[in-house]
Amino acid sequence: AVVSTQSTGDNIRAHDELHGSLSPGVLAVVRGDRAVSDETTYIKELFTDLIVMKNSAGLINNKLAQMTQHAESDKLFLRIQAQHPGDAGLVCIYLLNHVVLQPGECMFLGANKPHAYFSGDCVECMACSDNVIRAGLTGKFIDVDSLIRLVECSSDTAEAQKLAPTPVNGGVVMQYLPSVKDFAVDMICVKDSYLLQGKVSPQIMLCTEGSGVVKTTHSAEEMRPGEVVFVIPGVSVTITGNVTLFSAYAQH
């Protein structure tokens, strides 16, 4: 999701070096000369104008170099600019919510929602998809035209996209259950021993911290950070040790 239209307008209004590349209707809204009639359409038009602007990052960088004090969004721009110099995707810093997730926090992003990871490690679970589309900040294939055609832009807060977990068995298991049936994720924090009942769906279990053993009636697998096990449907497992696991599965 994009930050509110007011915040977006403030961010872009502060960078008048970009105004020459905005369409007349979008520029009128940015300057406050015209009210927003359709918020979703306005945000997508603004996003489109900026993402196709080849020299947007260079213009912003040149202006910031002449300033002695920077807003938080400008500081983030300069940090990411050092990693991806001149990348057109840098302008999205002024359009998207900037969120710092703490351990245990989760966000659910629906299909076609623009997003970017700037730093740190996280567990990401996706529905089956063969059309991940990128517009910048990556060394992988970029397809701006397809992204503009499919992207969904809406005005919302970061808090509205956070997904609160459901604690199970005193919080040993924290379930993250999105509004779609394609997937769910459990965070399992074991200090000694825990019996995890089998699920209708297969599970992929990833160890992120500590060490332990995942046992079934037929096998026992040692788990350390980065190691993964596959659990077939209906099979319960006993987890022993001092270990944190994430389990991904389909909801039924």
Protein backbone atom coordinates (compact mmCIF):
# COMPACT_ATOMS: atom_id res chain seq x y z
CA ALA A 1 0.00 0.00 0.00
CA VAL A 2 0.99 3.57 -0.52
CA VAL A 3 1.04 6.13 2.25
CA SER A 4 -1.94 8.48 2.43
CA THR A 5 -2.49 10.85 -0.47
CA GLN A 6 -1.71 13.80 1.81
CA SER A 7 1.64 12.29 2.83
CA THR A 8 2.43 11.31 -0.73
CA GLY A 9 1.63 14.81 -1.95
CA ASP A 10 3.83 16.35 0.75
CA ASN A 11 6.73 14.06 -0.17
CA ILE A 12 6.58 14.82 -3.89
CA ARG A 13 5.76 18.50 -3.38
CA ALA A 14 9.03 18.85 -1.47
CA HIS A 15 10.91 17.58 -4.54
CA ASP A 16 9.98 20.13 -7.17
CA GLU A 17 12.78 18.80 -9.38
CA LEU A 18 10.38 15.95 -10.25
CA HIS A 19 7.39 18.11 -11.15
CA GLY A 20 8.37 18.52 -14.78
CA SER A 21 7.80 14.80 -15.38
CA LEU A 22 4.31 14.66 -13.87
CA SER A 23 1.20 14.74 -16.01
CA PRO A 24 -0.82 17.99 -15.67
CA GLY A 25 -3.64 16.37 -13.68
CA VAL A 26 -1.29 14.67 -11.21
CA LEU A 27 0.81 17.81 -10.80
CA ALA A 28 -2.32 19.85 -10.01
CA VAL A 29 -3.15 17.47 -7.14
CA VAL A 30 0.45 17.44 -5.86
CA ARG A 31 0.49 21.24 -5.75
CA GLY A 32 -2.90 21.35 -4.03
CA ASP A 33 -4.61 23.11 -6.96
CA ARG A 34 -7.07 20.26 -7.49
CA ALA A 35 -8.82 17.85 -5.14
CA VAL A 36 -8.48 14.08 -5.54
CA SER A 37 -11.60 12.68 -7.22
CA ASP A 38 -10.46 9.03 -7.36
CA GLU A 39 -7.72 8.24 -4.87
CA THR A 40 -6.69 4.90 -6.36
CA THR A 41 -6.44 6.30 -9.89
CA TYR A 42 -4.45 9.33 -8.71
CA ILE A 43 -1.91 7.21 -6.81
CA LYS A 44 -1.43 4.83 -9.73
CA GLU A 45 -0.95 7.74 -12.15
CA LEU A 46 1.60 9.33 -9.79
CA PHE A 47 3.39 5.99 -9.37
CA THR A 48 3.45 5.51 -13.15
CA ASP A 49 4.78 9.00 -13.86
CA LEU A 50 7.64 8.58 -11.38
CA ILE A 51 8.63 4.98 -12.06
CA VAL A 52 9.01 5.57 -15.82
CA MET A 53 11.06 8.72 -15.22
CA LYS A 54 14.57 7.51 -16.06
CA ASN A 55 16.53 10.23 -14.26
CA SER A 56 14.37 10.66 -11.15
CA ALA A 57 17.01 9.21 -8.80
CA GLY A 58 19.71 11.45 -10.21
CA LEU A 59 17.60 14.59 -9.85
CA ILE A 60 16.73 13.81 -6.22
CA ASN A 61 20.32 12.88 -5.39
CA ASN A 62 21.64 16.13 -6.86
CA LYS A 63 19.19 18.17 -4.79
CA LEU A 64 19.92 16.29 -1.54
CA ALA A 65 23.65 16.80 -2.06
CA GLN A 66 23.05 20.53 -1.77
CA MET A 67 21.12 20.23 1.52
CA THR A 68 22.60 20.07 5.01
CA GLN A 69 19.51 18.62 6.73
CA HIS A 70 17.34 15.80 5.44
CA ALA A 71 13.92 14.36 6.26
CA GLU A 72 13.76 10.69 7.30
CA SER A 73 12.61 9.68 3.81
CA ASP A 74 15.59 11.55 2.33
CA LYS A 75 17.99 9.75 4.68
CA LEU A 76 16.55 6.42 3.56
CA PHE A 77 16.90 7.48 -0.08
CA LEU A 78 20.59 8.31 0.39
CA ARG A 79 21.24 4.97 2.13
CA ILE A 80 19.58 2.92 -0.61
CA GLN A 81 21.05 5.13 -3.35
CA ALA A 82 24.50 4.02 -2.17
CA GLN A 83 23.46 0.40 -2.84
CA HIS A 84 21.55 1.01 -6.09
CA PRO A 85 22.92 4.22 -7.61
CA GLY A 86 20.63 5.84 -10.17
CA ASP A 87 17.95 3.14 -9.86
CA ALA A 88 14.48 4.33 -10.94
CA GLY A 89 12.92 2.32 -8.11
CA LEU A 90 14.43 4.70 -5.55
CA VAL A 91 11.58 7.14 -6.08
CA CYS A 92 9.19 4.61 -4.49
CA ILE A 93 10.71 5.53 -1.14
CA TYR A 94 8.54 8.65 -1.30
CA LEU A 95 5.39 6.68 -2.15
CA LEU A 96 5.43 3.63 0.12
CA ASN A 97 5.03 3.19 3.85
CA HIS A 98 8.38 2.81 5.60
CA VAL A 99 7.98 0.00 8.12
CA VAL A 100 10.48 -1.49 10.58
CA LEU A 101 9.15 -4.87 11.66
CA GLN A 102 10.17 -6.19 15.06
CA PRO A 103 10.74 -9.91 15.77
CA GLY A 104 7.39 -11.69 15.75
CA GLU A 105 5.61 -8.97 13.74
CA CYS A 106 4.00 -9.85 10.44
CA MET A 107 2.47 -8.12 7.43
CA PHE A 108 0.10 -9.55 4.85
CA LEU A 109 0.31 -8.10 1.34
CA GLY A 110 -2.34 -9.03 -1.19
CA ALA A 111 -1.62 -9.84 -4.82
CA ASN A 112 -0.20 -7.02 -6.98
CA LYS A 113 0.72 -4.83 -4.01
CA PRO A 114 4.03 -2.99 -4.53
CA HIS A 115 6.65 -3.55 -1.84
CA ALA A 116 10.41 -3.62 -1.34
CA TYR A 117 12.82 -4.98 1.29
CA PHE A 118 15.60 -2.60 2.27
CA SER A 119 17.48 -4.45 5.01
CA GLY A 120 17.38 -7.26 7.53
CA ASP A 121 16.07 -10.82 7.39
CA CYS A 122 12.50 -12.05 7.34
CA VAL A 123 10.49 -15.16 6.59
CA GLU A 124 8.38 -14.66 3.46
CA CYS A 125 5.65 -17.05 2.38
CA MET A 126 3.99 -16.66 -1.02
CA ALA A 127 1.14 -18.32 -2.83
CA CYS A 128 2.08 -20.31 -5.93
CA SER A 129 3.07 -17.73 -8.54
CA ASP A 130 5.15 -17.49 -11.68
CA ASN A 131 4.78 -13.75 -12.25
CA VAL A 132 6.86 -11.89 -9.68
CA ILE A 133 7.35 -8.53 -11.43
CA ARG A 134 10.12 -6.11 -10.52
CA ALA A 135 10.56 -2.42 -11.31
CA GLY A 136 13.86 -1.65 -9.61
CA LEU A 137 16.25 -2.08 -6.67
CA THR A 138 17.32 -5.49 -7.95
CA GLY A 139 19.83 -7.20 -10.18
CA LYS A 140 17.06 -9.46 -11.54
CA PHE A 141 14.92 -8.93 -14.62
CA ILE A 142 12.90 -5.68 -14.58
CA ASP A 143 9.57 -5.31 -16.40
CA VAL A 144 8.19 -1.84 -15.71
CA ASP A 145 5.41 -2.05 -18.31
CA SER A 146 3.92 -5.23 -16.84
CA LEU A 147 4.21 -3.90 -13.32
CA ILE A 148 2.35 -0.70 -14.21
CA ARG A 149 -0.37 -2.75 -15.89
CA LEU A 150 -0.93 -5.06 -12.90
CA VAL A 151 0.04 -3.07 -9.81
CA GLU A 152 -2.68 -2.14 -7.31
CA CYS A 153 -2.13 1.21 -5.61
CA SER A 154 -4.22 2.18 -2.61
CA SER A 155 -3.88 4.57 0.27
CA ASP A 156 -3.50 2.85 3.61
CA THR A 157 -1.44 2.85 6.78
CA ALA A 158 1.27 0.35 7.61
CA GLU A 159 -0.59 -0.69 10.75
CA ALA A 160 -3.61 -1.70 8.67
CA GLN A 161 -1.49 -4.30 6.86
CA LYS A 162 -0.01 -5.92 9.94
CA LEU A 163 -1.31 -9.39 10.75
CA ALA A 164 -1.59 -10.18 14.45
CA PRO A 165 -0.78 -13.79 15.39
CA THR A 166 -3.04 -16.20 17.27
CA PRO A 167 -1.23 -17.82 20.23
CA VAL A 168 -1.63 -21.59 20.66
CA ASN A 169 -0.69 -23.63 23.74
CA GLY A 170 0.43 -20.67 25.80
CA GLY A 171 2.28 -19.05 22.91
CA VAL A 172 4.57 -21.95 22.06
CA VAL A 173 2.99 -21.68 18.62
CA MET A 174 2.05 -18.32 17.10
CA GLN A 175 -0.23 -18.75 14.09
CA TYR A 176 -0.29 -16.15 11.32
CA LEU A 177 -3.50 -16.74 9.40
CA PRO A 178 -4.08 -14.39 6.45
CA SER A 179 -7.44 -13.81 4.81
CA VAL A 180 -6.58 -16.16 1.93
CA LYS A 181 -6.54 -19.96 2.03
CA ASP A 182 -3.36 -20.33 -0.05
CA PHE A 183 -1.02 -20.37 2.94
CA ALA A 184 -0.45 -19.78 6.63
CA VAL A 185 2.67 -19.63 8.78
CA ASP A 186 3.32 -20.82 12.33
CA MET A 187 6.22 -19.64 14.47
CA ILE A 188 7.14 -22.45 16.88
CA CYS A 189 9.41 -21.63 19.82
CA VAL A 190 10.40 -24.75 21.76
CA LYS A 191 12.45 -24.67 24.96
CA ASP A 192 12.35 -28.38 25.78
CA SER A 193 9.86 -30.63 23.99
CA TYR A 194 6.64 -30.07 22.06
CA LEU A 195 4.22 -32.32 20.14
CA LEU A 196 2.94 -30.66 16.97
CA GLN A 197 -0.18 -32.29 15.60
CA GLY A 198 -0.28 -33.18 11.91
CA LYS A 199 -2.08 -30.93 9.44
CA VAL A 200 -4.27 -31.64 6.43
CA SER A 201 -1.71 -29.85 4.29
CA PRO A 202 1.98 -30.68 3.87
CA GLN A 203 4.34 -28.46 5.87
CA ILE A 204 7.71 -26.92 5.13
CA MET A 205 9.57 -26.27 8.39
CA LEU A 206 12.51 -23.86 8.52
CA CYS A 207 14.86 -23.45 11.48
CA THR A 208 15.87 -19.84 12.13
CA GLU A 209 17.40 -19.98 15.60
CA GLY A 210 18.86 -22.46 18.08
CA SER A 211 19.11 -26.20 17.52
CA GLY A 212 16.85 -29.17 18.02
CA VAL A 213 15.45 -32.36 16.58
CA VAL A 214 12.22 -32.91 14.63
CA LYS A 215 11.01 -36.49 15.14
CA THR A 216 8.28 -38.58 13.55
CA THR A 217 7.55 -42.25 14.07
CA HIS A 218 9.87 -43.01 11.14
CA SER A 219 12.69 -40.47 11.29
CA ALA A 220 14.56 -37.83 13.31
CA GLU A 221 16.14 -34.76 11.74
CA GLU A 222 18.58 -32.43 13.47
CA MET A 223 17.71 -28.78 12.92
CA ARG A 224 20.02 -25.76 12.89
CA PRO A 225 19.55 -22.29 11.38
CA GLY A 226 18.91 -22.54 7.65
CA GLU A 227 17.92 -26.20 7.64
CA VAL A 228 14.51 -27.30 6.34
CA VAL A 229 12.35 -30.41 6.66
CA PHE A 230 9.25 -31.44 4.71
CA VAL A 231 6.39 -32.96 6.70
CA ILE A 232 3.72 -34.92 4.82
CA PRO A 233 0.02 -34.39 5.59
CA GLY A 234 -1.39 -35.95 8.73
CA VAL A 235 1.97 -36.67 10.36
CA SER A 236 2.55 -35.35 13.89
CA VAL A 237 6.07 -34.38 14.91
CA THR A 238 7.84 -34.08 18.24
CA ILE A 239 10.22 -31.12 18.46
CA THR A 240 12.95 -31.20 21.10
CA GLY A 241 15.71 -28.77 21.98
CA ASN A 242 15.93 -25.01 22.26
CA VAL A 243 14.85 -24.03 18.79
CA THR A 244 12.70 -21.65 16.73
CA LEU A 245 11.00 -23.04 13.64
CA PHE A 246 8.68 -21.53 11.06
CA SER A 247 6.15 -23.85 9.43
CA ALA A 248 4.39 -22.93 6.18
CA TYR A 249 1.29 -24.77 5.01
CA ALA A 250 -2.01 -24.31 3.18
CA GLN A 251 -5.18 -23.48 5.07
CA HIS A 252 -8.17 -25.80 4.57
